[in-house]
Protein backbone atom coordinates (compact mmCIF):
# COMPACT_ATOMS: atom_id res chain seq x y z
CA MET A 1 -5.24 31.27 2.20
CA GLY A 2 -7.02 28.31 0.58
CA ILE A 3 -6.76 27.17 -3.01
CA ASN A 4 -10.24 28.44 -3.95
CA ALA A 5 -9.28 31.98 -2.95
CA CYS A 6 -6.02 31.67 -4.89
CA VAL A 7 -7.88 30.55 -8.02
CA ARG A 8 -10.05 33.67 -7.74
CA LYS A 9 -6.84 35.72 -7.60
CA GLY A 10 -5.21 34.26 -10.70
CA LEU A 11 -3.73 30.88 -9.78
CA ILE A 12 -4.73 29.20 -13.06
CA ASP A 13 -3.02 31.93 -15.08
CA PHE A 14 0.08 31.45 -12.94
CA ILE A 15 0.04 27.68 -13.53
CA ASN A 16 -0.34 28.12 -17.28
CA LYS A 17 2.41 30.73 -17.41
CA GLU A 18 4.94 28.76 -15.36
CA ALA A 19 4.06 25.40 -16.95
CA ALA A 20 6.10 23.57 -14.32
CA ASP A 21 6.40 19.81 -14.49
CA ILE A 22 5.12 19.60 -10.90
CA PHE A 23 3.19 22.00 -8.67
CA CYS A 24 2.87 21.46 -4.92
CA PHE A 25 0.26 23.23 -2.81
CA GLN A 26 -0.06 23.30 0.96
CA GLU A 27 -2.93 24.52 3.14
CA VAL A 28 -5.44 24.12 0.32
CA LYS A 29 -8.38 24.26 2.79
CA ALA A 30 -10.65 22.29 0.46
CA SER A 31 -12.36 18.94 0.00
CA GLU A 32 -13.04 16.85 -3.11
CA ASP A 33 -16.43 18.46 -3.63
CA LYS A 34 -15.09 21.96 -2.99
CA LEU A 35 -12.15 21.95 -5.39
CA PRO A 36 -12.44 24.73 -7.98
CA GLU A 37 -13.62 23.51 -11.36
CA GLU A 38 -10.84 25.46 -13.09
CA LEU A 39 -8.31 23.27 -11.29
CA LYS A 40 -10.09 20.08 -12.29
CA GLU A 41 -10.13 21.18 -15.93
CA LEU A 42 -6.34 21.43 -16.27
CA LYS A 43 -5.62 18.84 -18.95
CA ASP A 44 -1.85 18.50 -18.78
CA TYR A 45 -1.65 17.37 -15.17
CA PHE A 46 -2.41 14.36 -13.01
CA ALA A 47 -3.88 15.61 -9.73
CA TYR A 48 -3.45 14.11 -6.25
CA HIS A 49 -4.95 15.45 -3.05
CA SER A 50 -4.91 14.72 0.66
CA PHE A 51 -7.72 16.51 2.46
CA ALA A 52 -8.24 17.06 6.17
CA ASP A 53 -11.18 15.43 7.91
CA LYS A 54 -12.08 18.88 9.21
CA LYS A 55 -13.72 21.04 6.55
CA GLY A 56 -11.80 24.09 5.40
CA TYR A 57 -8.60 23.06 7.16
CA SER A 58 -5.09 22.14 6.06
CA GLY A 59 -4.77 19.82 3.02
CA VAL A 60 -2.12 19.34 0.31
CA SER A 61 -2.31 18.86 -3.45
CA VAL A 62 0.11 17.86 -6.21
CA LEU A 63 -0.26 18.53 -9.94
CA THR A 64 2.23 16.61 -12.05
CA LYS A 65 2.73 16.16 -15.79
CA ILE A 66 4.50 12.87 -15.07
CA LYS A 67 2.34 10.12 -13.65
CA PRO A 68 3.87 8.73 -10.43
CA LEU A 69 4.65 5.06 -10.01
CA LYS A 70 3.06 5.20 -6.56
CA VAL A 71 1.45 7.75 -4.23
CA ILE A 72 1.56 7.70 -0.42
CA ASP A 73 -0.73 10.01 1.57
CA LYS A 74 -0.54 8.59 5.10
CA PHE A 75 1.95 7.96 7.86
CA ASP A 76 2.28 4.61 9.61
CA SER A 77 1.11 6.29 12.82
CA PRO A 78 -2.69 6.78 12.55
CA HIS A 79 -2.79 9.66 15.04
CA LEU A 80 -0.80 11.81 12.61
CA ASN A 81 -3.24 11.29 9.77
CA GLY A 82 -6.57 12.99 9.23
CA GLU A 83 -5.21 16.50 8.73
CA GLY A 84 -4.19 16.16 5.06
CA ARG A 85 -0.53 16.99 5.51
CA LEU A 86 1.35 14.54 3.29
CA ILE A 87 1.60 13.38 -0.31
CA VAL A 88 4.64 11.41 -1.48
CA CYS A 89 4.92 10.66 -5.19
CA GLU A 90 7.38 8.03 -6.35
CA PHE A 91 8.97 8.57 -9.77
CA ASN A 92 11.61 6.56 -11.62
CA ASP A 93 14.61 8.31 -10.09
CA PHE A 94 13.34 10.16 -7.01
CA PHE A 95 10.59 10.68 -4.47
CA LEU A 96 8.72 13.96 -4.21
CA ALA A 97 7.30 14.76 -0.76
CA ASN A 98 4.74 17.54 -0.52
CA VAL A 99 4.28 18.31 3.17
CA TYR A 100 2.40 20.83 5.27
CA PHE A 101 3.97 20.78 8.73
CA PRO A 102 1.74 21.63 11.71
CA HIS A 103 1.85 25.06 13.29
CA SER A 104 2.75 24.99 16.99
CA ASN A 105 -0.01 27.51 17.78
CA ARG A 106 0.45 30.87 19.44
CA LYS A 107 0.60 29.40 22.96
CA LEU A 108 2.63 26.39 21.73
CA THR A 109 -0.25 24.06 22.52
CA ARG A 110 0.62 21.91 19.49
CA LEU A 111 4.39 21.96 19.84
CA ASP A 112 4.53 18.35 21.07
CA PHE A 113 2.28 17.21 18.22
CA LYS A 114 4.44 19.04 15.71
CA LEU A 115 7.65 17.50 17.02
CA LYS A 116 6.10 14.03 16.81
CA PHE A 117 5.00 14.80 13.26
CA ASN A 118 8.51 16.01 12.44
CA ASP A 119 10.09 12.83 13.77
CA GLU A 120 7.65 10.62 11.89
CA PHE A 121 8.38 12.49 8.68
CA GLN A 122 12.10 12.16 9.31
CA ASN A 123 11.73 8.40 9.77
CA LEU A 124 9.76 8.20 6.53
CA CYS A 125 12.52 10.05 4.69
CA LYS A 126 15.15 7.68 6.07
CA ARG A 127 13.21 4.72 4.72
CA LEU A 128 12.60 6.29 1.33
CA GLU A 129 16.23 7.32 0.92
CA LEU A 130 17.28 3.68 1.11
CA THR A 131 15.90 3.40 -2.43
CA LYS A 132 15.91 6.84 -4.07
CA PRO A 133 16.78 10.46 -3.26
CA ILE A 134 14.04 12.86 -2.13
CA ILE A 135 12.80 16.31 -3.10
CA ILE A 136 10.78 17.93 -0.31
CA SER A 137 8.44 20.81 -1.08
CA SER A 138 7.01 22.13 2.12
CA ASP A 139 5.69 24.81 4.38
CA PHE A 140 7.82 23.69 7.33
CA ASN A 141 6.22 26.32 9.57
CA VAL A 142 9.62 27.18 10.99
CA ALA A 143 12.20 29.85 10.30
CA HIS A 144 15.44 27.93 10.54
CA LYS A 145 17.98 30.66 11.33
CA GLU A 146 17.85 34.25 12.51
CA ILE A 147 18.44 35.32 8.91
CA ASP A 148 15.12 33.69 8.00
CA LEU A 149 12.86 36.22 9.73
CA ARG A 150 12.82 39.98 10.12
CA ASN A 151 12.61 40.15 13.91
CA PRO A 152 14.38 37.13 15.43
CA LYS A 153 14.94 38.51 18.94
CA GLN A 154 11.25 39.28 19.44
CA ASN A 155 10.24 35.78 18.32
CA VAL A 156 12.64 33.51 20.19
CA LYS A 157 9.87 31.77 22.14
CA ASN A 158 7.15 32.06 19.53
CA ALA A 159 5.69 29.34 17.31
CA GLY A 160 7.87 28.73 14.30
CA PHE A 161 11.03 29.99 15.96
CA THR A 162 11.29 27.96 19.15
CA LYS A 163 14.61 26.29 19.93
CA GLU A 164 12.94 22.88 19.66
CA GLU A 165 11.65 23.46 16.13
CA ARG A 166 14.92 24.97 14.94
CA LYS A 167 17.00 22.19 16.49
CA TRP A 168 14.89 19.59 14.71
CA PHE A 169 15.56 21.35 11.41
CA ASP A 170 19.28 21.43 12.20
CA ASP A 171 19.29 17.71 12.92
CA PHE A 172 17.22 16.91 9.84
CA LEU A 173 19.59 18.73 7.48
CA LYS A 174 22.51 16.84 9.02
CA LEU A 175 20.99 13.66 7.56
CA GLU A 176 22.46 14.79 4.21
CA PHE A 177 19.63 17.07 3.16
CA ILE A 178 20.15 20.59 1.89
CA ASP A 179 18.10 23.80 2.06
CA THR A 180 18.32 24.67 -1.64
CA PHE A 181 17.52 28.38 -1.40
CA ARG A 182 20.17 28.95 1.24
CA TYR A 183 22.67 27.01 -0.90
CA PHE A 184 22.31 29.64 -3.65
CA ASN A 185 21.60 32.70 -1.51
CA SER A 186 23.22 33.79 1.76
CA GLU A 187 21.50 37.17 2.05
CA GLY A 188 18.87 38.18 4.58
CA GLY A 189 15.55 39.83 3.79
CA ASN A 190 14.26 36.91 1.73
CA TYR A 191 10.91 35.73 3.07
CA THR A 192 8.01 33.58 1.90
CA TRP A 193 5.26 34.55 4.36
CA TRP A 194 3.97 37.86 5.70
CA THR A 195 1.11 38.50 8.09
CA TYR A 196 -1.77 40.52 6.67
CA ARG A 197 -1.46 42.94 9.60
CA ASN A 198 0.31 46.31 9.58
CA ASN A 199 1.31 46.25 5.89
CA ALA A 200 3.90 43.63 6.72
CA ARG A 201 4.47 42.57 3.12
CA ASP A 202 4.95 46.13 1.86
CA ARG A 203 7.49 46.65 4.64
CA ASN A 204 8.99 43.18 4.07
CA VAL A 205 8.49 42.13 7.68
CA GLY A 206 8.28 38.43 7.02
CA TRP A 207 9.43 34.88 7.65
CA ARG A 208 11.00 32.28 5.38
CA ILE A 209 9.07 29.14 6.26
CA ASP A 210 8.62 27.53 2.82
CA TYR A 211 11.49 25.43 1.50
CA PHE A 212 12.69 23.05 -1.15
CA VAL A 213 14.91 20.60 0.72
CA VAL A 214 16.61 17.84 -1.26
CA SER A 215 18.92 14.89 -0.75
CA TYR A 216 22.59 15.79 -1.21
CA LYS A 217 22.69 13.19 -3.98
CA LEU A 218 20.63 15.58 -6.13
CA LEU A 219 22.67 18.71 -5.50
CA GLU A 220 24.61 18.67 -8.77
CA LYS A 221 21.33 18.44 -10.70
CA ILE A 222 19.94 21.73 -9.29
CA SER A 223 20.44 24.90 -11.32
CA ASN A 224 18.43 27.34 -9.20
CA SER A 225 16.16 27.74 -6.18
CA GLU A 226 14.28 31.00 -5.81
CA ILE A 227 11.59 32.87 -3.92
CA MET A 228 9.00 34.43 -6.24
CA LYS A 229 8.27 37.37 -3.98
CA GLU A 230 6.70 39.43 -6.77
CA VAL A 231 3.79 36.95 -7.10
CA LEU A 232 0.80 38.12 -5.07
CA GLY A 233 -2.52 36.48 -4.20
CA SER A 234 -1.74 34.88 -0.83
CA ASP A 235 0.00 35.58 2.47
CA HIS A 236 2.69 33.21 1.15
CA CYS A 237 4.54 33.62 -2.14
CA PRO A 238 5.55 30.71 -4.39
CA ILE A 239 9.00 29.17 -4.34
CA LYS A 240 10.60 27.54 -7.35
CA LEU A 241 13.17 24.79 -7.86
CA ASP A 242 14.92 24.19 -11.19
CA ILE A 243 16.27 20.65 -11.26
CA LYS A 244 17.03 18.27 -14.10
CA ILE A 245 16.63 14.58 -13.38
C-alpha cells in the first residue's frame, strides 16, 4: 500500500504520536508531485525520497529530525537504479540504510535481478562499514527462517522463501550483522505482512519480511526491537528499533 493511502488511514497521527527521530518508509508508490501535502507540512523533519521512474511503483522515503551529513540514493551499477529502492543517510556515528528489496515475482521471473540487487547492496555495506557501523531498515522481501512465516512447507519454492534468497540472508548476517527482532524474541507467530485475502491478518497467517538489521558494533546500544502488529492501515505493520547512539 502506498504512502498516500496510509496518510488517508492515519499515518500523520501515527508519526506525531511516535515522534521517532527517524522514520523509514518503503514501497511509497509516489512521485514528488504526488506526495501528500500533510507529509510535506511536517515541520520537525528533513525529508528525503527516492522515487521509481515508473509511476505508482516502489519508492522509499526517510524522515529524520537530524540532518544527515550526506545522502546516497543510487548504486554504482546503473541497471539497479531507477526503481527507487535505496536511501543511505550518513550521520556522525553511523549510516542508516533504508532499502526496499525487489520481490522475486510469483513465477520467480525476477529472482536473478533480486540476487544481483542483494549482492550489490552487500558490497555497499562492506564499503560503508569500513568507516562507520550501519543500521538497515528494510522490507527484505524474504522470510529468513521457517519460524518467520506461518506455512513454511507450502512456500518452499515460492518468492520470498526460496533457498537462494534465504541463503543470501544467511551469508549476509555472517558478515557481522544481526537481525535485531530475533535477537530479542525467539518465538514464532510474529509477522509483519499479511495478504489481504482470506482474512489472513485476523487469522495471523503472515510473513516476517521487514527487519531492522544492524552492525554487531551497535548491539550494546540497542534496548528493544519490536513488531507493532496492533497498528493497522496497511498490509504491513510498522517495526520499531530503540537504539541510543
